[in-house]
Amino acid sequence: MNTTTKRYLYLFQQGQRMTDRTSGKTPDNMSTDALPADQVLTGERIQKILAQAGVASRREAEKLISEGRIRINDTKATLGDRATHKDKLFLDGNLIKIEKPSYDDYRVIVYSKPEGVICSNSDPEGRPTVFDHLPKLANQRWISVGRLDINTSGLLILTTDGELANRLMHPSYEIDREYAVRIHGEVDDDMLKRLTDGVLLEDGMAKFTDVREFGGEGRNKWFHAVVMEGRNREVRRLWESQDVQVSRLKRVRYGCIFLPSRLKVGAWEELNSKDINDLRALVKLPAIRPKKKKSIQGKIDDKRAHKKAVNKSIKQGKNIQRKKFRKVD
């Protein structure tokens, strides 16, 4: 089954799940009818506006509001206050530029993270981060949808839409994550049953919603495991609770988005409007309209810039892998 077939099968199954949860009715706010861009910020909570503008994640914005660092016009903001793009917002007395959202405010990219790279914006130890070679942004920032630890590779989703990122990470939306795992040790049916029934970890009960064998020989076999939350090192800790060792871990799916097989390690590519709307539908956000078509020269320039940035990112990924293998040797 190829990636495209799996993707549509997943979307069909997800649609069935959402229909079941709503007594056979699809929620009104899951409509795929595109909304005009100037309606998105009308009467929105401040933390949402700040998140959509890329100033901070929604939780970080709530903290800024609680600390009294945000003002609406001439009034100190409080949690629950609403504003529009016509209002003036200030952070520590400095005007925050809030514009009507354009199509670029909803950019989403998928990145094939190499091992040896961290997901933080900066690192005091000087280790490479996933943000080093991403597309440059003006008045925005890339927000990582969840994290992968330094020894985990695979799919990482990044977006300029803080509200989308927050909902994709929030446990209440039950977005599943699928991992390919290579296990060193003996794995039997009883162990798999324990892992899907639930295991008590130091931070509470955890389990795989699905786990299946995917090949391998002897004591080194591959499995695909699915979790519904993003707790720290949850996949590794579940396997290690059964006295087996995780020798490789790679995320291959996040919700309806699969890691493209064509995407080289260290490379990224931008999702189109349809893929973005599939993600938004999962977390009950309205659809956005497709981007306006660019001129032929604009497309050529974008393609050249993308190729240059991706090649630089791939080169960095290869250098990281070489250094890692040298340390092992």
C-alpha atoms as a PDB file:
ATOM      1  CA  MET A   1       0.000   0.000   0.000  1.00  0.00           C
ATOM      2  CA  ASN A   2       1.613   3.298  -1.095  1.00  0.00           C
ATOM      3  CA  THR A   3       1.666   6.523   0.894  1.00  0.00           C
ATOM      4  CA  THR A   4      -1.208   8.138  -1.011  1.00  0.00           C
ATOM      5  CA  THR A   5      -3.489   5.131  -0.513  1.00  0.00           C
ATOM      6  CA  LYS A   6      -2.675   4.973   3.203  1.00  0.00           C
ATOM      7  CA  ARG A   7      -3.352   8.690   3.512  1.00  0.00           C
ATOM      8  CA  TYR A   8      -6.844   8.501   2.038  1.00  0.00           C
ATOM      9  CA  LEU A   9      -7.637   5.362   4.027  1.00  0.00           C
ATOM     10  CA  TYR A  10      -6.629   7.188   7.191  1.00  0.00           C
ATOM     11  CA  LEU A  11      -8.763  10.232   6.334  1.00  0.00           C
ATOM     12  CA  PHE A  12     -11.788   8.004   5.690  1.00  0.00           C
ATOM     13  CA  GLN A  13     -11.319   6.199   9.024  1.00  0.00           C
ATOM     14  CA  GLN A  14     -10.799   9.513  10.843  1.00  0.00           C
ATOM     15  CA  GLY A  15     -14.004  10.856   9.309  1.00  0.00           C
ATOM     16  CA  GLN A  16     -15.869   7.808  10.552  1.00  0.00           C
ATOM     17  CA  ARG A  17     -14.485   8.344  14.077  1.00  0.00           C
ATOM     18  CA  MET A  18     -15.579  11.980  14.135  1.00  0.00           C
ATOM     19  CA  THR A  19     -19.051  11.055  12.848  1.00  0.00           C
ATOM     20  CA  ASP A  20     -19.417   8.454  15.615  1.00  0.00           C
ATOM     21  CA  ARG A  21     -18.413  10.964  18.279  1.00  0.00           C
ATOM     22  CA  THR A  22     -21.068  13.430  17.154  1.00  0.00           C
ATOM     23  CA  SER A  23     -24.008  10.998  16.939  1.00  0.00           C
ATOM     24  CA  GLY A  24     -23.873  10.776  13.177  1.00  0.00           C
ATOM     25  CA  LYS A  25     -23.522  14.508  12.572  1.00  0.00           C
ATOM     26  CA  THR A  26     -20.443  16.278  11.367  1.00  0.00           C
ATOM     27  CA  PRO A  27     -19.716  19.357  13.542  1.00  0.00           C
ATOM     28  CA  ASP A  28     -20.514  22.689  11.909  1.00  0.00           C
ATOM     29  CA  ASN A  29     -17.020  24.000  12.605  1.00  0.00           C
ATOM     30  CA  MET A  30     -15.494  21.146  10.612  1.00  0.00           C
ATOM     31  CA  SER A  31     -16.941  22.500   7.372  1.00  0.00           C
ATOM     32  CA  THR A  32     -14.452  22.618   4.531  1.00  0.00           C
ATOM     33  CA  ASP A  33     -16.050  25.771   3.098  1.00  0.00           C
ATOM     34  CA  ALA A  34     -13.297  28.390   2.954  1.00  0.00           C
ATOM     35  CA  LEU A  35     -13.752  31.486   5.098  1.00  0.00           C
ATOM     36  CA  PRO A  36     -12.643  34.961   4.014  1.00  0.00           C
ATOM     37  CA  ALA A  37      -9.273  35.845   5.504  1.00  0.00           C
ATOM     38  CA  ASP A  38     -10.555  39.024   7.184  1.00  0.00           C
ATOM     39  CA  GLN A  39     -12.969  36.998   9.337  1.00  0.00           C
ATOM     40  CA  VAL A  40     -10.304  34.949  11.063  1.00  0.00           C
ATOM     41  CA  LEU A  41      -9.270  37.582  13.647  1.00  0.00           C
ATOM     42  CA  THR A  42     -12.708  39.137  14.249  1.00  0.00           C
ATOM     43  CA  GLY A  43     -13.428  39.073  17.985  1.00  0.00           C
ATOM     44  CA  GLU A  44     -10.677  36.535  18.711  1.00  0.00           C
ATOM     45  CA  ARG A  45      -9.144  35.987  22.121  1.00  0.00           C
ATOM     46  CA  ILE A  46      -5.869  37.850  22.497  1.00  0.00           C
ATOM     47  CA  GLN A  47      -3.778  34.744  22.998  1.00  0.00           C
ATOM     48  CA  LYS A  48      -5.078  33.391  19.687  1.00  0.00           C
ATOM     49  CA  ILE A  49      -4.221  36.614  17.870  1.00  0.00           C
ATOM     50  CA  LEU A  50      -0.706  36.619  19.316  1.00  0.00           C
ATOM     51  CA  ALA A  51      -0.250  32.951  18.395  1.00  0.00           C
ATOM     52  CA  GLN A  52      -1.493  33.479  14.837  1.00  0.00           C
ATOM     53  CA  ALA A  53       0.841  36.459  14.479  1.00  0.00           C
ATOM     54  CA  GLY A  54       3.770  34.281  15.551  1.00  0.00           C
ATOM     55  CA  VAL A  55       4.531  36.388  18.639  1.00  0.00           C
ATOM     56  CA  ALA A  56       4.250  33.395  20.978  1.00  0.00           C
ATOM     57  CA  SER A  57       2.473  30.090  21.324  1.00  0.00           C
ATOM     58  CA  ARG A  58      -0.995  30.299  22.875  1.00  0.00           C
ATOM     59  CA  ARG A  59       0.255  29.071  26.257  1.00  0.00           C
ATOM     60  CA  GLU A  60       3.176  31.478  26.190  1.00  0.00           C
ATOM     61  CA  ALA A  61       0.765  34.295  25.279  1.00  0.00           C
ATOM     62  CA  GLU A  62      -1.477  33.391  28.227  1.00  0.00           C
ATOM     63  CA  LYS A  63       1.553  33.690  30.492  1.00  0.00           C
ATOM     64  CA  LEU A  64       2.408  37.120  29.047  1.00  0.00           C
ATOM     65  CA  ILE A  65      -1.177  38.260  29.688  1.00  0.00           C
ATOM     66  CA  SER A  66      -1.170  36.894  33.263  1.00  0.00           C
ATOM     67  CA  GLU A  67       2.079  38.750  33.954  1.00  0.00           C
ATOM     68  CA  GLY A  68       0.443  42.015  32.840  1.00  0.00           C
ATOM     69  CA  ARG A  69       2.815  42.504  29.906  1.00  0.00           C
ATOM     70  CA  ILE A  70       0.084  42.814  27.254  1.00  0.00           C
ATOM     71  CA  ARG A  71      -2.136  45.896  26.704  1.00  0.00           C
ATOM     72  CA  ILE A  72      -5.097  46.391  24.367  1.00  0.00           C
ATOM     73  CA  ASN A  73      -5.091  49.995  23.242  1.00  0.00           C
ATOM     74  CA  ASP A  74      -4.798  51.814  26.615  1.00  0.00           C
ATOM     75  CA  THR A  75      -6.011  48.976  28.859  1.00  0.00           C
ATOM     76  CA  LYS A  76      -4.076  46.178  30.511  1.00  0.00           C
ATOM     77  CA  ALA A  77      -5.254  42.885  28.997  1.00  0.00           C
ATOM     78  CA  THR A  78      -6.712  40.043  31.039  1.00  0.00           C
ATOM     79  CA  LEU A  79      -7.319  36.417  30.124  1.00  0.00           C
ATOM     80  CA  GLY A  80     -10.525  36.120  28.118  1.00  0.00           C
ATOM     81  CA  ASP A  81     -10.281  39.566  26.514  1.00  0.00           C
ATOM     82  CA  ARG A  82     -10.941  39.751  22.792  1.00  0.00           C
ATOM     83  CA  ALA A  83      -9.624  42.006  20.050  1.00  0.00           C
ATOM     84  CA  THR A  84      -9.638  42.467  16.288  1.00  0.00           C
ATOM     85  CA  HIS A  85      -6.988  43.532  13.795  1.00  0.00           C
ATOM     86  CA  LYS A  86      -8.282  47.112  14.266  1.00  0.00           C
ATOM     87  CA  ASP A  87      -7.167  47.144  17.928  1.00  0.00           C
ATOM     88  CA  LYS A  88      -3.633  48.006  18.957  1.00  0.00           C
ATOM     89  CA  LEU A  89      -1.790  45.430  21.057  1.00  0.00           C
ATOM     90  CA  PHE A  90       1.357  46.188  23.043  1.00  0.00           C
ATOM     91  CA  LEU A  91       3.985  43.883  24.569  1.00  0.00           C
ATOM     92  CA  ASP A  92       6.058  45.561  27.290  1.00  0.00           C
ATOM     93  CA  GLY A  93       4.979  48.925  25.858  1.00  0.00           C
ATOM     94  CA  ASN A  94       6.060  48.067  22.312  1.00  0.00           C
ATOM     95  CA  LEU A  95       3.438  48.016  19.565  1.00  0.00           C
ATOM     96  CA  ILE A  96       2.803  44.542  18.122  1.00  0.00           C
ATOM     97  CA  LYS A  97       2.162  44.654  14.412  1.00  0.00           C
ATOM     98  CA  ILE A  98      -1.099  42.787  13.804  1.00  0.00           C
ATOM     99  CA  GLU A  99      -2.241  42.611  10.197  1.00  0.00           C
ATOM    100  CA  LYS A 100      -5.115  40.913   8.495  1.00  0.00           C
ATOM    101  CA  PRO A 101      -4.040  37.302   8.022  1.00  0.00           C
ATOM    102  CA  SER A 102      -2.821  36.444   4.554  1.00  0.00           C
ATOM    103  CA  TYR A 103      -2.355  33.024   3.029  1.00  0.00           C
ATOM    104  CA  ASP A 104       1.259  32.983   4.257  1.00  0.00           C
ATOM    105  CA  ASP A 105       0.028  33.130   7.875  1.00  0.00           C
ATOM    106  CA  TYR A 106      -0.978  29.486   7.531  1.00  0.00           C
ATOM    107  CA  ARG A 107       2.233  27.994   6.195  1.00  0.00           C
ATOM    108  CA  VAL A 108       3.016  24.428   7.217  1.00  0.00           C
ATOM    109  CA  ILE A 109       6.127  22.419   6.362  1.00  0.00           C
ATOM    110  CA  VAL A 110       7.172  18.834   6.980  1.00  0.00           C
ATOM    111  CA  TYR A 111      10.800  18.234   7.915  1.00  0.00           C
ATOM    112  CA  SER A 112      12.696  14.952   7.904  1.00  0.00           C
ATOM    113  CA  LYS A 113      14.648  15.327  11.134  1.00  0.00           C
ATOM    114  CA  PRO A 114      18.035  13.596  11.341  1.00  0.00           C
ATOM    115  CA  GLU A 115      19.347  12.005  14.513  1.00  0.00           C
ATOM    116  CA  GLY A 116      21.684  14.285  16.422  1.00  0.00           C
ATOM    117  CA  VAL A 117      19.561  17.420  15.898  1.00  0.00           C
ATOM    118  CA  ILE A 118      17.525  19.016  18.690  1.00  0.00           C
ATOM    119  CA  CYS A 119      14.108  20.701  18.410  1.00  0.00           C
ATOM    120  CA  SER A 120      14.895  23.808  20.470  1.00  0.00           C
ATOM    121  CA  ASN A 121      15.372  27.247  18.933  1.00  0.00           C
ATOM    122  CA  SER A 122      18.838  27.488  20.475  1.00  0.00           C
ATOM    123  CA  ASP A 123      21.165  25.318  22.509  1.00  0.00           C
ATOM    124  CA  PRO A 124      23.802  26.479  25.036  1.00  0.00           C
ATOM    125  CA  GLU A 125      25.929  23.453  24.083  1.00  0.00           C
ATOM    126  CA  GLY A 126      26.017  24.580  20.457  1.00  0.00           C
ATOM    127  CA  ARG A 127      24.311  21.499  19.051  1.00  0.00           C
ATOM    128  CA  PRO A 128      22.531  21.873  15.683  1.00  0.00           C
ATOM    129  CA  THR A 129      18.791  22.552  15.805  1.00  0.00           C
ATOM    130  CA  VAL A 130      15.986  21.908  13.336  1.00  0.00           C
ATOM    131  CA  PHE A 131      15.546  25.691  12.988  1.00  0.00           C
ATOM    132  CA  ASP A 132      19.018  26.265  11.555  1.00  0.00           C
ATOM    133  CA  HIS A 133      18.083  25.756   7.900  1.00  0.00           C
ATOM    134  CA  LEU A 134      14.346  26.307   7.667  1.00  0.00           C
ATOM    135  CA  PRO A 135      12.826  28.902   5.298  1.00  0.00           C
ATOM    136  CA  LYS A 136      13.405  32.461   6.520  1.00  0.00           C
ATOM    137  CA  LEU A 137      10.330  34.340   7.716  1.00  0.00           C
ATOM    138  CA  ALA A 138       9.482  38.033   8.055  1.00  0.00           C
ATOM    139  CA  ASN A 139       7.594  39.068  11.224  1.00  0.00           C
ATOM    140  CA  GLN A 140       6.738  35.441  11.960  1.00  0.00           C
ATOM    141  CA  ARG A 141       8.364  32.364  13.412  1.00  0.00           C
ATOM    142  CA  TRP A 142       8.229  28.628  12.906  1.00  0.00           C
ATOM    143  CA  ILE A 143       6.443  26.734  15.669  1.00  0.00           C
ATOM    144  CA  SER A 144       7.264  23.057  16.099  1.00  0.00           C
ATOM    145  CA  VAL A 145       4.262  20.759  16.487  1.00  0.00           C
ATOM    146  CA  GLY A 146       5.624  18.623  19.315  1.00  0.00           C
ATOM    147  CA  ARG A 147       9.236  17.554  19.612  1.00  0.00           C
ATOM    148  CA  LEU A 148      11.469  14.626  18.823  1.00  0.00           C
ATOM    149  CA  ASP A 149      14.387  13.860  21.128  1.00  0.00           C
ATOM    150  CA  ILE A 150      17.935  14.113  19.827  1.00  0.00           C
ATOM    151  CA  ASN A 151      18.176  10.383  19.032  1.00  0.00           C
ATOM    152  CA  THR A 152      14.803  10.187  17.239  1.00  0.00           C
ATOM    153  CA  SER A 153      14.479  10.895  13.515  1.00  0.00           C
ATOM    154  CA  GLY A 154      11.584  11.319  11.122  1.00  0.00           C
ATOM    155  CA  LEU A 155       8.550  13.518  10.632  1.00  0.00           C
ATOM    156  CA  LEU A 156       8.407  16.921  12.282  1.00  0.00           C
ATOM    157  CA  ILE A 157       5.647  19.377  11.403  1.00  0.00           C
ATOM    158  CA  LEU A 158       6.314  23.111  11.727  1.00  0.00           C
ATOM    159  CA  THR A 159       3.846  25.934  11.133  1.00  0.00           C
ATOM    160  CA  THR A 160       3.453  29.706  11.371  1.00  0.00           C
ATOM    161  CA  ASP A 161      -0.070  29.216  12.787  1.00  0.00           C
ATOM    162  CA  GLY A 162       0.142  29.130  16.575  1.00  0.00           C
ATOM    163  CA  GLU A 163      -3.477  28.077  17.048  1.00  0.00           C
ATOM    164  CA  LEU A 164      -3.090  25.115  14.680  1.00  0.00           C
ATOM    165  CA  ALA A 165       0.102  24.033  16.464  1.00  0.00           C
ATOM    166  CA  ASN A 166      -1.527  24.296  19.881  1.00  0.00           C
ATOM    167  CA  ARG A 167      -4.545  22.212  18.885  1.00  0.00           C
ATOM    168  CA  LEU A 168      -2.470  19.529  17.149  1.00  0.00           C
ATOM    169  CA  MET A 169      -0.477  19.087  20.366  1.00  0.00           C
ATOM    170  CA  HIS A 170      -3.411  19.252  22.788  1.00  0.00           C
ATOM    171  CA  PRO A 171      -4.452  15.813  24.179  1.00  0.00           C
ATOM    172  CA  SER A 172      -8.178  16.622  23.918  1.00  0.00           C
ATOM    173  CA  TYR A 173      -8.031  16.349  20.115  1.00  0.00           C
ATOM    174  CA  GLU A 174      -6.545  12.828  20.279  1.00  0.00           C
ATOM    175  CA  ILE A 175      -4.214  13.195  17.298  1.00  0.00           C
ATOM    176  CA  ASP A 176      -2.320   9.936  16.842  1.00  0.00           C
ATOM    177  CA  ARG A 177       1.402   9.658  16.129  1.00  0.00           C
ATOM    178  CA  GLU A 178       2.911   6.623  14.444  1.00  0.00           C
ATOM    179  CA  TYR A 179       6.507   5.495  14.918  1.00  0.00           C
ATOM    180  CA  ALA A 180       8.725   2.910  13.255  1.00  0.00           C
ATOM    181  CA  VAL A 181      10.743   1.233  16.016  1.00  0.00           C
ATOM    182  CA  ARG A 182      13.599  -1.266  15.796  1.00  0.00           C
ATOM    183  CA  ILE A 183      13.675  -3.417  18.911  1.00  0.00           C
ATOM    184  CA  HIS A 184      16.593  -5.456  20.199  1.00  0.00           C
ATOM    185  CA  GLY A 185      15.267  -8.307  22.319  1.00  0.00           C
ATOM    186  CA  GLU A 186      12.571 -10.944  22.391  1.00  0.00           C
ATOM    187  CA  VAL A 187       9.037  -9.674  21.754  1.00  0.00           C
ATOM    188  CA  ASP A 188       6.053 -12.001  22.127  1.00  0.00           C
ATOM    189  CA  ASP A 189       2.273 -11.647  21.921  1.00  0.00           C
ATOM    190  CA  ASP A 190       1.921 -11.299  25.681  1.00  0.00           C
ATOM    191  CA  MET A 191       4.262  -8.301  25.656  1.00  0.00           C
ATOM    192  CA  LEU A 192       2.355  -6.652  22.830  1.00  0.00           C
ATOM    193  CA  LYS A 193      -0.890  -7.169  24.721  1.00  0.00           C
ATOM    194  CA  ARG A 194       0.559  -5.519  27.836  1.00  0.00           C
ATOM    195  CA  LEU A 195       1.705  -2.559  25.753  1.00  0.00           C
ATOM    196  CA  THR A 196      -1.765  -2.039  24.254  1.00  0.00           C
ATOM    197  CA  ASP A 197      -3.612  -2.695  27.535  1.00  0.00           C
ATOM    198  CA  GLY A 198      -1.540  -0.148  29.434  1.00  0.00           C
ATOM    199  CA  VAL A 199       1.680   0.062  31.420  1.00  0.00           C
ATOM    200  CA  LEU A 200       2.291   2.110  34.565  1.00  0.00           C
ATOM    201  CA  LEU A 201       5.179   4.531  33.964  1.00  0.00           C
ATOM    202  CA  GLU A 202       6.609   7.020  36.457  1.00  0.00           C
ATOM    203  CA  ASP A 203       4.229   9.727  35.171  1.00  0.00           C
ATOM    204  CA  GLY A 204       1.107   7.556  34.958  1.00  0.00           C
ATOM    205  CA  MET A 205      -0.497   4.955  32.723  1.00  0.00           C
ATOM    206  CA  ALA A 206       0.530   4.820  29.067  1.00  0.00           C
ATOM    207  CA  LYS A 207      -0.150   2.514  26.145  1.00  0.00           C
ATOM    208  CA  PHE A 208       0.037   2.012  22.416  1.00  0.00           C
ATOM    209  CA  THR A 209      -3.307   2.222  20.654  1.00  0.00           C
ATOM    210  CA  ASP A 210      -1.842  -0.074  18.005  1.00  0.00           C
ATOM    211  CA  VAL A 211       1.429  -1.954  17.555  1.00  0.00           C
ATOM    212  CA  ARG A 212       2.347  -4.303  14.721  1.00  0.00           C
ATOM    213  CA  GLU A 213       5.441  -6.176  13.560  1.00  0.00           C
ATOM    214  CA  PHE A 214       7.017  -4.832  10.369  1.00  0.00           C
ATOM    215  CA  GLY A 215       9.835  -7.245   9.557  1.00  0.00           C
ATOM    216  CA  GLY A 216      13.376  -7.905  10.716  1.00  0.00           C
ATOM    217  CA  GLU A 217      15.321 -10.964  11.746  1.00  0.00           C
ATOM    218  CA  GLY A 218      16.314 -12.654  15.000  1.00  0.00           C
ATOM    219  CA  ARG A 219      16.392 -10.360  18.002  1.00  0.00           C
ATOM    220  CA  ASN A 220      16.286  -7.183  15.868  1.00  0.00           C
ATOM    221  CA  LYS A 221      12.785  -6.573  14.563  1.00  0.00           C
ATOM    222  CA  TRP A 222      10.865  -3.560  13.349  1.00  0.00           C
ATOM    223  CA  PHE A 223       7.478  -2.552  14.744  1.00  0.00           C
ATOM    224  CA  HIS A 224       5.064   0.267  14.016  1.00  0.00           C
ATOM    225  CA  ALA A 225       3.556   1.709  17.211  1.00  0.00           C
ATOM    226  CA  VAL A 226       0.873   4.381  17.617  1.00  0.00           C
ATOM    227  CA  VAL A 227       0.370   6.717  20.588  1.00  0.00           C
ATOM    228  CA  MET A 228      -2.323   9.348  21.151  1.00  0.00           C
ATOM    229  CA  GLU A 229      -0.284  11.851  23.165  1.00  0.00           C
ATOM    230  CA  GLY A 230       3.128  13.470  23.119  1.00  0.00           C
ATOM    231  CA  ARG A 231       4.594  12.716  26.535  1.00  0.00           C
ATOM    232  CA  ASN A 232       8.356  12.925  26.897  1.00  0.00           C
ATOM    233  CA  ARG A 233      10.105   9.826  25.439  1.00  0.00           C
ATOM    234  CA  GLU A 234       6.851   7.891  25.819  1.00  0.00           C
ATOM    235  CA  VAL A 235       7.514   5.375  23.021  1.00  0.00           C
ATOM    236  CA  ARG A 236      11.001   4.542  24.302  1.00  0.00           C
ATOM    237  CA  ARG A 237       9.841   4.260  27.899  1.00  0.00           C
ATOM    238  CA  LEU A 238       6.971   1.927  27.008  1.00  0.00           C
ATOM    239  CA  TRP A 239       9.302  -0.498  25.258  1.00  0.00           C
ATOM    240  CA  GLU A 240      11.989  -0.205  27.936  1.00  0.00           C
ATOM    241  CA  SER A 241       9.389  -1.081  30.591  1.00  0.00           C
ATOM    242  CA  GLN A 242       9.323  -4.541  28.969  1.00  0.00           C
ATOM    243  CA  ASP A 243      13.110  -4.997  29.278  1.00  0.00           C
ATOM    244  CA  VAL A 244      13.841  -4.611  25.571  1.00  0.00           C
ATOM    245  CA  GLN A 245      16.039  -1.993  23.907  1.00  0.00           C
ATOM    246  CA  VAL A 246      15.011   0.579  21.310  1.00  0.00           C
ATOM    247  CA  SER A 247      17.882   0.725  18.806  1.00  0.00           C
ATOM    248  CA  ARG A 248      16.150   2.984  16.225  1.00  0.00           C
ATOM    249  CA  LEU A 249      13.129   5.259  16.475  1.00  0.00           C
ATOM    250  CA  LYS A 250      11.566   7.206  13.631  1.00  0.00           C
ATOM    251  CA  ARG A 251       8.245   9.061  13.460  1.00  0.00           C
ATOM    252  CA  VAL A 252       6.441   8.279  10.204  1.00  0.00           C
ATOM    253  CA  ARG A 253       3.022   9.885  10.694  1.00  0.00           C
ATOM    254  CA  TYR A 254       1.356  12.690  12.631  1.00  0.00           C
ATOM    255  CA  GLY A 255      -2.426  12.643  12.269  1.00  0.00           C
ATOM    256  CA  CYS A 256      -3.239  12.567   8.561  1.00  0.00           C
ATOM    257  CA  ILE A 257       0.269  13.620   7.470  1.00  0.00           C
ATOM    258  CA  PHE A 258       2.761  10.888   6.507  1.00  0.00           C
ATOM    259  CA  LEU A 259       6.511  11.329   6.133  1.00  0.00           C
ATOM    260  CA  PRO A 260       6.941  11.455   2.328  1.00  0.00           C
ATOM    261  CA  SER A 261       9.219   8.672   1.080  1.00  0.00           C
ATOM    262  CA  ARG A 262      10.759  11.142  -1.407  1.00  0.00           C
ATOM    263  CA  LEU A 263      11.882  13.477   1.393  1.00  0.00           C
ATOM    264  CA  LYS A 264      15.601  13.061   2.106  1.00  0.00           C
ATOM    265  CA  VAL A 265      16.936  13.207   5.659  1.00  0.00           C
ATOM    266  CA  GLY A 266      17.474  16.845   6.599  1.00  0.00           C
ATOM    267  CA  ALA A 267      15.136  18.125   3.880  1.00  0.00           C
ATOM    268  CA  TRP A 268      11.791  19.909   4.185  1.00  0.00           C
ATOM    269  CA  GLU A 269       8.865  20.631   1.920  1.00  0.00           C
ATOM    270  CA  GLU A 270       5.816  22.856   2.189  1.00  0.00           C
ATOM    271  CA  LEU A 271       2.306  21.441   2.433  1.00  0.00           C
ATOM    272  CA  ASN A 272      -0.270  22.579  -0.097  1.00  0.00           C
ATOM    273  CA  SER A 273      -3.602  24.122   0.890  1.00  0.00           C
ATOM    274  CA  LYS A 274      -5.425  20.784   0.729  1.00  0.00           C
ATOM    275  CA  ASP A 275      -3.033  19.094   3.159  1.00  0.00           C
ATOM    276  CA  ILE A 276      -3.202  22.105   5.483  1.00  0.00           C
ATOM    277  CA  ASN A 277      -7.007  21.981   5.438  1.00  0.00           C
ATOM    278  CA  ASP A 278      -6.914  18.238   6.215  1.00  0.00           C
ATOM    279  CA  LEU A 279      -4.883  19.078   9.336  1.00  0.00           C
ATOM    280  CA  ARG A 280      -7.193  21.949  10.266  1.00  0.00           C
ATOM    281  CA  ALA A 281     -10.259  19.704   9.932  1.00  0.00           C
ATOM    282  CA  LEU A 282      -8.748  17.242  12.436  1.00  0.00           C
ATOM    283  CA  VAL A 283      -8.704  19.958  15.101  1.00  0.00           C
ATOM    284  CA  LYS A 284     -11.966  21.688  14.146  1.00  0.00           C
ATOM    285  CA  LEU A 285     -10.511  24.790  12.496  1.00  0.00           C
ATOM    286  CA  PRO A 286     -12.123  26.324   9.403  1.00  0.00           C
ATOM    287  CA  ALA A 287     -10.562  25.732   6.020  1.00  0.00           C
ATOM    288  CA  ILE A 288      -8.425  28.359   4.307  1.00  0.00           C
ATOM    289  CA  ARG A 289      -8.526  29.327   0.681  1.00  0.00           C
ATOM    290  CA  PRO A 290      -5.748  28.184  -1.661  1.00  0.00           C
ATOM    291  CA  LYS A 291      -2.863  30.556  -2.196  1.00  0.00           C
ATOM    292  CA  LYS A 292      -3.069  32.925  -5.119  1.00  0.00           C
ATOM    293  CA  LYS A 293      -1.179  31.660  -8.129  1.00  0.00           C
ATOM    294  CA  LYS A 294       2.214  33.228  -8.676  1.00  0.00           C
ATOM    295  CA  SER A 295       3.727  34.290 -11.957  1.00  0.00           C
ATOM    296  CA  ILE A 296       5.982  31.858 -13.807  1.00  0.00           C
ATOM    297  CA  GLN A 297       9.061  33.814 -12.721  1.00  0.00           C
ATOM    298  CA  GLY A 298       7.807  33.825  -9.118  1.00  0.00           C
ATOM    299  CA  LYS A 299       7.457  30.050  -9.217  1.00  0.00           C
ATOM    300  CA  ILE A 300      10.968  29.690 -10.671  1.00  0.00           C
ATOM    301  CA  ASP A 301      12.426  31.929  -7.932  1.00  0.00           C
ATOM    302  CA  ASP A 302      10.601  29.985  -5.220  1.00  0.00           C
ATOM    303  CA  LYS A 303      11.829  26.679  -6.636  1.00  0.00           C
ATOM    304  CA  ARG A 304      15.448  27.890  -6.732  1.00  0.00           C
ATOM    305  CA  ALA A 305      15.279  29.253  -3.173  1.00  0.00           C
ATOM    306  CA  HIS A 306      13.678  26.036  -1.925  1.00  0.00           C
ATOM    307  CA  LYS A 307      16.304  23.863  -3.643  1.00  0.00           C
ATOM    308  CA  LYS A 308      19.146  25.942  -2.204  1.00  0.00           C
ATOM    309  CA  ALA A 309      17.739  25.819   1.335  1.00  0.00           C
ATOM    310  CA  VAL A 310      16.970  22.088   1.165  1.00  0.00           C
ATOM    311  CA  ASN A 311      20.423  21.192  -0.190  1.00  0.00           C
ATOM    312  CA  LYS A 312      22.000  23.161   2.660  1.00  0.00           C
ATOM    313  CA  SER A 313      19.791  21.367   5.190  1.00  0.00           C
ATOM    314  CA  ILE A 314      20.575  17.930   3.701  1.00  0.00           C
ATOM    315  CA  LYS A 315      24.309  18.695   3.785  1.00  0.00           C
ATOM    316  CA  GLN A 316      24.033  19.609   7.461  1.00  0.00           C
ATOM    317  CA  GLY A 317      22.171  16.349   8.158  1.00  0.00           C
ATOM    318  CA  LYS A 318      24.891  14.302   6.449  1.00  0.00           C
ATOM    319  CA  ASN A 319      27.636  16.080   8.406  1.00  0.00           C
ATOM    320  CA  ILE A 320      25.812  15.343  11.667  1.00  0.00           C
ATOM    321  CA  GLN A 321      25.543  11.653  10.772  1.00  0.00           C
ATOM    322  CA  ARG A 322      29.249  11.472   9.865  1.00  0.00           C
ATOM    323  CA  LYS A 323      30.238  13.004  13.203  1.00  0.00           C
ATOM    324  CA  LYS A 324      27.963  10.569  15.014  1.00  0.00           C
ATOM    325  CA  PHE A 325      29.490   7.532  13.324  1.00  0.00           C
ATOM    326  CA  ARG A 326      33.014   8.811  14.012  1.00  0.00           C
ATOM    327  CA  LYS A 327      32.195   9.011  17.728  1.00  0.00           C
ATOM    328  CA  VAL A 328      30.862   5.458  17.639  1.00  0.00           C
ATOM    329  CA  ASP A 329      34.023   4.210  15.921  1.00  0.00           C
END
